[in-house]
Protein backbone atom coordinates (compact mmCIF):
# COMPACT_ATOMS: atom_id res chain seq x y z
CA MET A 1 0.47 -0.08 -0.09
CA LYS A 2 2.67 2.19 1.20
CA LYS A 3 4.74 1.49 -2.10
CA ALA A 4 1.06 2.36 -4.06
CA LEU A 5 1.01 5.87 -2.52
CA GLU A 6 3.96 6.68 -3.59
CA ILE A 7 3.59 5.92 -7.37
CA MET A 8 0.70 8.14 -6.86
CA ARG A 9 2.42 11.12 -5.21
CA ASN A 10 5.49 11.02 -7.56
CA ALA A 11 2.99 10.93 -10.63
CA LEU A 12 1.50 13.50 -9.74
CA ALA A 13 4.61 15.55 -9.39
CA ALA A 14 5.40 14.60 -12.74
CA LEU A 15 1.72 15.62 -13.62
CA GLY A 16 2.40 19.05 -11.46
CA VAL A 17 5.60 20.07 -13.33
CA PHE A 18 3.76 18.97 -16.70
CA PHE A 19 1.18 21.37 -15.67
CA LEU A 20 3.56 24.34 -14.64
CA TYR A 21 5.44 23.61 -18.14
CA LEU A 22 2.28 23.94 -20.38
CA LEU A 23 1.19 26.75 -17.88
CA GLY A 24 4.20 28.98 -19.02
CA HIS A 25 4.65 27.80 -22.16
CA GLY A 26 0.71 29.66 -22.75
CA MET A 27 1.68 32.44 -20.88
CA TRP A 28 4.64 33.48 -22.83
CA ASP A 29 2.81 32.34 -26.40
CA TYR A 30 -0.04 34.65 -25.39
CA THR A 31 2.05 36.81 -24.84
CA GLN A 32 4.10 37.09 -27.52
CA HIS A 33 1.28 36.50 -30.14
CA ALA A 34 -0.38 39.55 -28.13
CA ALA A 35 2.17 41.61 -28.40
CA ALA A 36 2.56 40.87 -32.41
CA SER A 37 -0.70 41.61 -32.65
CA ASP A 38 -0.38 45.17 -30.89
CA LEU A 39 1.94 45.77 -33.08
CA ALA A 40 -0.11 45.27 -36.74
CA CYS A 41 -3.02 47.61 -35.18
CA VAL A 42 -0.61 50.31 -34.46
CA TYR A 43 0.38 49.99 -38.17
CA ALA A 44 -3.61 49.63 -39.42
CA ARG A 45 -3.57 52.58 -37.70
CA CYS A 46 -6.49 50.71 -35.33
CA MET A 47 -4.95 52.23 -32.00
């Protein structure tokens, strides 16, 4: 039983790290995209 809990804890920890990575990557991607579209908007003079 103890071994199963240990495996579960490790799996959850790995999932947590993976989730944080996805979150960070998604946020960075979103800010890059937002910056690019803002620049396009300035060039199109819609600001």
